[in-house]
PDB file of N, CA and C in Angstrom:
ATOM      1  N   MET A   1       0.752  -1.361   0.378  1.00  0.00           N
ATOM      2  CA  MET A   1       0.179   0.058   0.294  1.00  0.00           C
ATOM      3  C   MET A   1       0.737   1.356  -0.126  1.00  0.00           C
ATOM      4  N   ARG A   2       2.033   0.724   0.819  1.00  0.00           N
ATOM      5  CA  ARG A   2       3.013   2.328   0.864  1.00  0.00           C
ATOM      6  C   ARG A   2       3.700   2.734  -0.796  1.00  0.00           C
ATOM      7  N   THR A   3       3.886   1.085  -1.075  1.00  0.00           N
ATOM      8  CA  THR A   3       5.029   1.597  -2.549  1.00  0.00           C
ATOM      9  C   THR A   3       3.593   2.591  -3.752  1.00  0.00           C
ATOM     10  N   ILE A   4       2.244   1.939  -3.941  1.00  0.00           N
ATOM     11  CA  ILE A   4       1.192   2.167  -4.561  1.00  0.00           C
ATOM     12  C   ILE A   4       1.187   3.894  -4.159  1.00  0.00           C
ATOM     13  N   SER A   5       1.245   4.636  -2.519  1.00  0.00           N
ATOM     14  CA  SER A   5       0.649   5.747  -2.510  1.00  0.00           C
ATOM     15  C   SER A   5       2.456   6.430  -3.103  1.00  0.00           C
ATOM     16  N   THR A   6       3.325   6.066  -3.262  1.00  0.00           N
ATOM     17  CA  THR A   6       4.259   6.816  -3.750  1.00  0.00           C
ATOM     18  C   THR A   6       4.658   6.725  -5.058  1.00  0.00           C
ATOM     19  N   ILE A   7       4.117   6.306  -5.865  1.00  0.00           N
ATOM     20  CA  ILE A   7       4.654   5.902  -6.810  1.00  0.00           C
ATOM     21  C   ILE A   7       2.825   6.842  -8.109  1.00  0.00           C
ATOM     22  N   LEU A   8       1.597   6.871  -6.354  1.00  0.00           N
ATOM     23  CA  LEU A   8       0.687   7.608  -7.227  1.00  0.00           C
ATOM     24  C   LEU A   8       1.475   9.491  -6.626  1.00  0.00           C
ATOM     25  N   THR A   9       1.901   9.615  -5.846  1.00  0.00           N
ATOM     26  CA  THR A   9       2.185  10.971  -5.057  1.00  0.00           C
ATOM     27  C   THR A   9       2.950  10.851  -6.443  1.00  0.00           C
ATOM     28  N   THR A  10       4.431  10.100  -6.857  1.00  0.00           N
ATOM     29  CA  THR A  10       5.297  10.897  -8.414  1.00  0.00           C
ATOM     30  C   THR A  10       4.848  11.392  -9.171  1.00  0.00           C
ATOM     31  N   LEU A  11       3.944  10.196  -9.854  1.00  0.00           N
ATOM     32  CA  LEU A  11       3.106  10.572 -10.370  1.00  0.00           C
ATOM     33  C   LEU A  11       2.873  12.222 -10.590  1.00  0.00           C
ATOM     34  N   MET A  12       1.488  12.343  -9.915  1.00  0.00           N
ATOM     35  CA  MET A  12       0.988  13.640  -9.902  1.00  0.00           C
ATOM     36  C   MET A  12       2.118  14.377  -9.567  1.00  0.00           C
ATOM     37  N   ILE A  13       2.582  14.392  -8.865  1.00  0.00           N
ATOM     38  CA  ILE A  13       3.919  15.759  -9.263  1.00  0.00           C
ATOM     39  C   ILE A  13       4.259  15.419 -10.470  1.00  0.00           C
ATOM     40  N   THR A  14       4.833  14.464 -11.513  1.00  0.00           N
ATOM     41  CA  THR A  14       5.175  15.293 -12.678  1.00  0.00           C
ATOM     42  C   THR A  14       4.462  15.084 -13.286  1.00  0.00           C
ATOM     43  N   ALA A  15       3.044  14.681 -13.757  1.00  0.00           N
ATOM     44  CA  ALA A  15       2.019  15.254 -14.096  1.00  0.00           C
ATOM     45  C   ALA A  15       1.992  16.956 -13.724  1.00  0.00           C
ATOM     46  N   SER A  16       2.304  17.752 -13.309  1.00  0.00           N
ATOM     47  CA  SER A  16       1.534  18.641 -13.072  1.00  0.00           C
ATOM     48  C   SER A  16       2.693  19.880 -13.382  1.00  0.00           C
ATOM     49  N   GLN A  17       3.692  19.005 -12.806  1.00  0.00           N
ATOM     50  CA  GLN A  17       4.864  19.711 -13.921  1.00  0.00           C
ATOM     51  C   GLN A  17       4.568  19.801 -15.300  1.00  0.00           C
ATOM     52  N   ALA A  18       4.122  18.892 -15.795  1.00  0.00           N
ATOM     53  CA  ALA A  18       4.108  18.783 -17.058  1.00  0.00           C
ATOM     54  C   ALA A  18       3.028  19.606 -17.829  1.00  0.00           C
ATOM     55  N   LEU A  19       2.048  19.845 -16.700  1.00  0.00           N
ATOM     56  CA  LEU A  19       0.851  20.581 -17.634  1.00  0.00           C
ATOM     57  C   LEU A  19       1.352  22.101 -17.037  1.00  0.00           C
ATOM     58  N   ALA A  20       2.345  22.612 -16.130  1.00  0.00           N
ATOM     59  CA  ALA A  20       2.469  23.685 -16.321  1.00  0.00           C
ATOM     60  C   ALA A  20       3.666  24.256 -17.152  1.00  0.00           C
ATOM     61  N   ALA A  21       4.330  23.631 -17.824  1.00  0.00           N
ATOM     62  CA  ALA A  21       4.999  23.481 -18.680  1.00  0.00           C
ATOM     63  C   ALA A  21       5.153  24.226 -19.963  1.00  0.00           C
ATOM     64  N   GLY A  22       3.578  24.525 -20.447  1.00  0.00           N
ATOM     65  CA  GLY A  22       3.864  25.214 -21.666  1.00  0.00           C
ATOM     66  C   GLY A  22       3.319  24.489 -22.254  1.00  0.00           C
ATOM     67  N   GLY A  23       3.800  23.661 -23.160  1.00  0.00           N
ATOM     68  CA  GLY A  23       3.760  23.169 -24.101  1.00  0.00           C
ATOM     69  C   GLY A  23       4.257  23.436 -25.281  1.00  0.00           C
ATOM     70  N   ALA A  24       3.570  22.383 -27.040  1.00  0.00           N
ATOM     71  CA  ALA A  24       4.101  23.249 -28.493  1.00  0.00           C
ATOM     72  C   ALA A  24       2.935  23.976 -28.441  1.00  0.00           C
ATOM     73  N   VAL A  25       2.258  23.673 -28.529  1.00  0.00           N
ATOM     74  CA  VAL A  25       1.049  23.963 -28.900  1.00  0.00           C
ATOM     75  C   VAL A  25       0.548  25.364 -28.211  1.00  0.00           C
ATOM     76  N   GLU A  26       1.341  26.841 -28.964  1.00  0.00           N
ATOM     77  CA  GLU A  26       0.157  28.063 -28.497  1.00  0.00           C
ATOM     78  C   GLU A  26      -0.599  28.340 -29.211  1.00  0.00           C
ATOM     79  N   SER A  27      -1.808  29.117 -28.455  1.00  0.00           N
ATOM     80  CA  SER A  27      -2.589  29.838 -29.281  1.00  0.00           C
ATOM     81  C   SER A  27      -2.733  31.414 -28.691  1.00  0.00           C
ATOM     82  N   GLU A  28      -3.222  31.523 -29.751  1.00  0.00           N
ATOM     83  CA  GLU A  28      -2.581  33.329 -29.933  1.00  0.00           C
ATOM     84  C   GLU A  28      -4.325  33.812 -29.663  1.00  0.00           C
ATOM     85  N   GLY A  29      -4.190  34.673 -28.706  1.00  0.00           N
ATOM     86  CA  GLY A  29      -5.250  35.702 -28.695  1.00  0.00           C
ATOM     87  C   GLY A  29      -6.476  34.583 -27.524  1.00  0.00           C
ATOM     88  N   ILE A  30      -7.678  34.966 -27.942  1.00  0.00           N
ATOM     89  CA  ILE A  30      -8.934  34.677 -27.297  1.00  0.00           C
ATOM     90  C   ILE A  30      -9.223  33.582 -28.527  1.00  0.00           C
ATOM     91  N   GLY A  31      -9.838  32.274 -27.675  1.00  0.00           N
ATOM     92  CA  GLY A  31     -10.800  31.504 -29.454  1.00  0.00           C
ATOM     93  C   GLY A  31     -12.136  31.742 -28.721  1.00  0.00           C
ATOM     94  N   ILE A  32     -12.670  31.385 -30.221  1.00  0.00           N
ATOM     95  CA  ILE A  32     -14.376  31.147 -30.395  1.00  0.00           C
ATOM     96  C   ILE A  32     -15.200  31.090 -29.582  1.00  0.00           C
ATOM     97  N   LEU A  33     -14.254  30.313 -28.255  1.00  0.00           N
ATOM     98  CA  LEU A  33     -15.993  29.439 -27.479  1.00  0.00           C
ATOM     99  C   LEU A  33     -15.776  30.811 -26.154  1.00  0.00           C
ATOM    100  N   THR A  34     -14.284  31.304 -25.808  1.00  0.00           N
ATOM    101  CA  THR A  34     -14.098  32.344 -25.206  1.00  0.00           C
ATOM    102  C   THR A  34     -15.423  33.365 -25.107  1.00  0.00           C
ATOM    103  N   ALA A  35     -14.816  34.280 -26.599  1.00  0.00           N
ATOM    104  CA  ALA A  35     -15.850  35.357 -27.277  1.00  0.00           C
ATOM    105  C   ALA A  35     -17.465  35.194 -26.984  1.00  0.00           C
ATOM    106  N   CYS A  36     -17.526  33.775 -27.250  1.00  0.00           N
ATOM    107  CA  CYS A  36     -18.755  33.607 -27.352  1.00  0.00           C
ATOM    108  C   CYS A  36     -19.322  34.233 -25.993  1.00  0.00           C
ATOM    109  N   PHE A  37     -18.808  32.935 -24.920  1.00  0.00           N
ATOM    110  CA  PHE A  37     -19.020  33.081 -23.753  1.00  0.00           C
ATOM    111  C   PHE A  37     -19.188  34.703 -23.076  1.00  0.00           C
ATOM    112  N   ILE A  38     -18.203  35.557 -23.402  1.00  0.00           N
ATOM    113  CA  ILE A  38     -17.836  36.695 -23.254  1.00  0.00           C
ATOM    114  C   ILE A  38     -19.035  37.437 -23.066  1.00  0.00           C
ATOM    115  N   GLY A  39     -19.459  37.696 -25.077  1.00  0.00           N
ATOM    116  CA  GLY A  39     -20.557  38.354 -25.578  1.00  0.00           C
ATOM    117  C   GLY A  39     -22.063  37.853 -24.578  1.00  0.00           C
ATOM    118  N   PHE A  40     -22.059  37.284 -24.368  1.00  0.00           N
ATOM    119  CA  PHE A  40     -22.729  35.945 -23.645  1.00  0.00           C
ATOM    120  C   PHE A  40     -23.139  36.895 -22.350  1.00  0.00           C
ATOM    121  N   GLY A  41     -22.781  36.902 -21.628  1.00  0.00           N
ATOM    122  CA  GLY A  41     -22.853  37.857 -20.326  1.00  0.00           C
ATOM    123  C   GLY A  41     -23.081  38.995 -20.459  1.00  0.00           C
ATOM    124  N   ALA A  42     -22.138  39.769 -21.387  1.00  0.00           N
ATOM    125  CA  ALA A  42     -22.303  41.142 -21.643  1.00  0.00           C
ATOM    126  C   ALA A  42     -24.033  41.190 -22.411  1.00  0.00           C
ATOM    127  N   MET A  43     -24.545  40.964 -22.934  1.00  0.00           N
ATOM    128  CA  MET A  43     -25.808  40.766 -23.280  1.00  0.00           C
ATOM    129  C   MET A  43     -26.332  40.265 -22.151  1.00  0.00           C
ATOM    130  N   ILE A  44     -26.274  39.856 -21.159  1.00  0.00           N
ATOM    131  CA  ILE A  44     -27.233  39.057 -20.345  1.00  0.00           C
ATOM    132  C   ILE A  44     -27.390  40.181 -18.979  1.00  0.00           C
ATOM    133  N   VAL A  45     -26.051  40.848 -18.758  1.00  0.00           N
ATOM    134  CA  VAL A  45     -26.425  42.246 -18.615  1.00  0.00           C
ATOM    135  C   VAL A  45     -26.601  43.856 -18.847  1.00  0.00           C
ATOM    136  N   LEU A  46     -26.315  43.658 -20.247  1.00  0.00           N
ATOM    137  CA  LEU A  46     -27.298  44.466 -20.902  1.00  0.00           C
ATOM    138  C   LEU A  46     -28.506  44.594 -20.927  1.00  0.00           C
ATOM    139  N   PHE A  47     -29.469  43.444 -20.927  1.00  0.00           N
ATOM    140  CA  PHE A  47     -30.546  42.920 -21.197  1.00  0.00           C
ATOM    141  C   PHE A  47     -31.007  43.231 -19.324  1.00  0.00           C
ATOM    142  N   GLN A  48     -29.869  43.180 -18.618  1.00  0.00           N
ATOM    143  CA  GLN A  48     -30.900  43.123 -16.966  1.00  0.00           C
ATOM    144  C   GLN A  48     -30.587  44.552 -16.427  1.00  0.00           C
ATOM    145  N   PHE A  49     -29.992  45.123 -17.981  1.00  0.00           N
ATOM    146  CA  PHE A  49     -29.468  47.054 -17.479  1.00  0.00           C
ATOM    147  C   PHE A  49     -30.626  47.791 -17.707  1.00  0.00           C
ATOM    148  N   ILE A  50     -31.257  47.445 -19.126  1.00  0.00           N
ATOM    149  CA  ILE A  50     -31.851  48.473 -19.396  1.00  0.00           C
ATOM    150  C   ILE A  50     -33.504  48.616 -18.475  1.00  0.00           C
ATOM    151  N   PRO A  51     -33.938  46.780 -18.051  1.00  0.00           N
ATOM    152  CA  PRO A  51     -35.539  47.270 -17.589  1.00  0.00           C
ATOM    153  C   PRO A  51     -34.870  48.009 -16.477  1.00  0.00           C
ATOM    154  N   GLY A  52     -34.028  47.720 -15.061  1.00  0.00           N
ATOM    155  CA  GLY A  52     -33.269  48.540 -14.481  1.00  0.00           C
ATOM    156  C   GLY A  52     -33.530  50.003 -14.831  1.00  0.00           C
ATOM    157  N   LEU A  53     -32.819  50.434 -15.736  1.00  0.00           N
ATOM    158  CA  LEU A  53     -32.770  51.979 -16.229  1.00  0.00           C
ATOM    159  C   LEU A  53     -34.747  52.182 -16.258  1.00  0.00           C
ATOM    160  N   LEU A  54     -34.980  52.384 -16.956  1.00  0.00           N
ATOM    161  CA  LEU A  54     -36.698  52.198 -17.156  1.00  0.00           C
ATOM    162  C   LEU A  54     -37.450  52.119 -15.363  1.00  0.00           C
ATOM    163  N   LEU A  55     -37.358  51.182 -14.787  1.00  0.00           N
ATOM    164  CA  LEU A  55     -37.644  50.998 -13.359  1.00  0.00           C
ATOM    165  C   LEU A  55     -37.319  52.779 -12.846  1.00  0.00           C
ATOM    166  N   ILE A  56     -36.178  52.710 -12.387  1.00  0.00           N
ATOM    167  CA  ILE A  56     -35.235  53.977 -11.592  1.00  0.00           C
ATOM    168  C   ILE A  56     -35.884  54.895 -12.146  1.00  0.00           C
ATOM    169  N   ALA A  57     -36.474  55.341 -13.545  1.00  0.00           N
ATOM    170  CA  ALA A  57     -37.137  56.643 -14.503  1.00  0.00           C
ATOM    171  C   ALA A  57     -38.351  56.483 -14.050  1.00  0.00           C
ATOM    172  N   GLY A  58     -39.294  55.371 -13.488  1.00  0.00           N
ATOM    173  CA  GLY A  58     -40.236  55.433 -12.942  1.00  0.00           C
ATOM    174  C   GLY A  58     -40.499  55.603 -11.405  1.00  0.00           C
ATOM    175  N   MET A  59     -39.897  55.873 -10.360  1.00  0.00           N
ATOM    176  CA  MET A  59     -39.362  55.739  -9.405  1.00  0.00           C
ATOM    177  C   MET A  59     -39.320  57.219  -9.385  1.00  0.00           C
ATOM    178  N   LEU A  60     -38.217  57.524 -10.258  1.00  0.00           N
ATOM    179  CA  LEU A  60     -37.909  59.285 -10.154  1.00  0.00           C
ATOM    180  C   LEU A  60     -38.679  60.149 -10.358  1.00  0.00           C
ATOM    181  N   LYS A  61     -39.873  59.548 -11.407  1.00  0.00           N
ATOM    182  CA  LYS A  61     -41.129  60.107 -12.220  1.00  0.00           C
ATOM    183  C   LYS A  61     -42.285  60.339 -10.936  1.00  0.00           C
ATOM    184  N   GLY A  62     -41.971  59.206 -10.267  1.00  0.00           N
ATOM    185  CA  GLY A  62     -43.231  59.541  -9.168  1.00  0.00           C
ATOM    186  C   GLY A  62     -42.609  60.005  -8.060  1.00  0.00           C
ATOM    187  N   LEU A  63     -41.306  59.922  -8.024  1.00  0.00           N
ATOM    188  CA  LEU A  63     -41.215  61.102  -6.768  1.00  0.00           C
ATOM    189  C   LEU A  63     -40.987  62.387  -6.907  1.00  0.00           C
ATOM    190  N   LEU A  64     -40.692  62.693  -7.969  1.00  0.00           N
ATOM    191  CA  LEU A  64     -40.930  63.815  -8.761  1.00  0.00           C
ATOM    192  C   LEU A  64     -42.040  65.236  -9.291  1.00  0.00           C
ATOM    193  N   SER A  65     -43.239  64.163  -9.518  1.00  0.00           N
ATOM    194  CA  SER A  65     -44.338  64.537 -10.166  1.00  0.00           C
ATOM    195  C   SER A  65     -45.297  64.819  -8.515  1.00  0.00           C
ATOM    196  N   LEU A  66     -46.030  65.814  -8.902  1.00  0.00           N
ATOM    197  CA  LEU A  66     -47.048  66.395  -8.122  1.00  0.00           C
ATOM    198  C   LEU A  66     -47.416  65.617  -7.328  1.00  0.00           C
ATOM    199  N   GLY A  67     -48.305  65.726  -6.670  1.00  0.00           N
ATOM    200  CA  GLY A  67     -48.812  64.639  -6.460  1.00  0.00           C
ATOM    201  C   GLY A  67     -50.851  65.051  -5.961  1.00  0.00           C
ATOM    202  N   HIS A  68     -51.053  66.244  -6.286  1.00  0.00           N
ATOM    203  CA  HIS A  68     -51.915  67.081  -5.604  1.00  0.00           C
ATOM    204  C   HIS A  68     -53.244  66.763  -7.257  1.00  0.00           C
ATOM    205  N   LYS A  69     -52.414  66.286  -8.454  1.00  0.00           N
ATOM    206  CA  LYS A  69     -53.505  65.647  -9.043  1.00  0.00           C
ATOM    207  C   LYS A  69     -54.103  64.329  -9.420  1.00  0.00           C
ATOM    208  N   ASP A  70     -53.160  63.639  -8.821  1.00  0.00           N
ATOM    209  CA  ASP A  70     -53.128  62.221  -8.431  1.00  0.00           C
ATOM    210  C   ASP A  70     -54.408  61.996  -6.792  1.00  0.00           C
ATOM    211  N   ALA A  71     -54.415  62.784  -6.715  1.00  0.00           N
ATOM    212  CA  ALA A  71     -54.982  62.401  -4.997  1.00  0.00           C
ATOM    213  C   ALA A  71     -56.183  62.259  -5.299  1.00  0.00           C
ATOM    214  N   PRO A  72     -57.043  61.709  -4.515  1.00  0.00           N
ATOM    215  CA  PRO A  72     -58.681  61.533  -4.726  1.00  0.00           C
ATOM    216  C   PRO A  72     -58.814  62.717  -3.795  1.00  0.00           C
ATOM    217  N   GLU A  73     -60.040  63.425  -4.608  1.00  0.00           N
ATOM    218  CA  GLU A  73     -60.730  63.678  -3.570  1.00  0.00           C
ATOM    219  C   GLU A  73     -62.097  63.492  -2.565  1.00  0.00           C
ATOM    220  N   THR A  74     -61.484  64.291  -1.391  1.00  0.00           N
ATOM    221  CA  THR A  74     -62.386  63.382  -0.020  1.00  0.00           C
ATOM    222  C   THR A  74     -63.086  64.973   0.457  1.00  0.00           C
ATOM    223  N   ALA A  75     -63.455  65.115   1.095  1.00  0.00           N
ATOM    224  CA  ALA A  75     -64.291  66.369   1.864  1.00  0.00           C
ATOM    225  C   ALA A  75     -62.824  67.413   2.006  1.00  0.00           C
ATOM    226  N   THR A  76     -62.055  66.855   2.539  1.00  0.00           N
ATOM    227  CA  THR A  76     -61.116  68.059   2.662  1.00  0.00           C
ATOM    228  C   THR A  76     -60.446  68.689   1.804  1.00  0.00           C
ATOM    229  N   ASN A  77     -60.225  67.687   0.736  1.00  0.00           N
ATOM    230  CA  ASN A  77     -59.823  68.797  -0.262  1.00  0.00           C
ATOM    231  C   ASN A  77     -60.576  69.497  -0.966  1.00  0.00           C
ATOM    232  N   LYS A  78     -62.001  69.756  -0.552  1.00  0.00           N
ATOM    233  CA  LYS A  78     -62.341  70.628  -1.962  1.00  0.00           C
ATOM    234  C   LYS A  78     -62.394  72.400  -1.221  1.00  0.00           C
TER     235      LYS A  78
END
């Protein structure tokens, strides 16, 4: 059991060094999948930003408008 543990530890250390070495294949720039992922994230932010702006505009309109027009007429308002 100790031998197997030692062998596996040695292989994991060697494999991690080999993966960190870089290799012969060097890619330039970002790939198409990465660009699509970033674009999808930007679309999500944009589609959440537009309703947020509309909501803030509605709240500001309600806060800044005069409340006298929408108030129901009662005996004290006449």
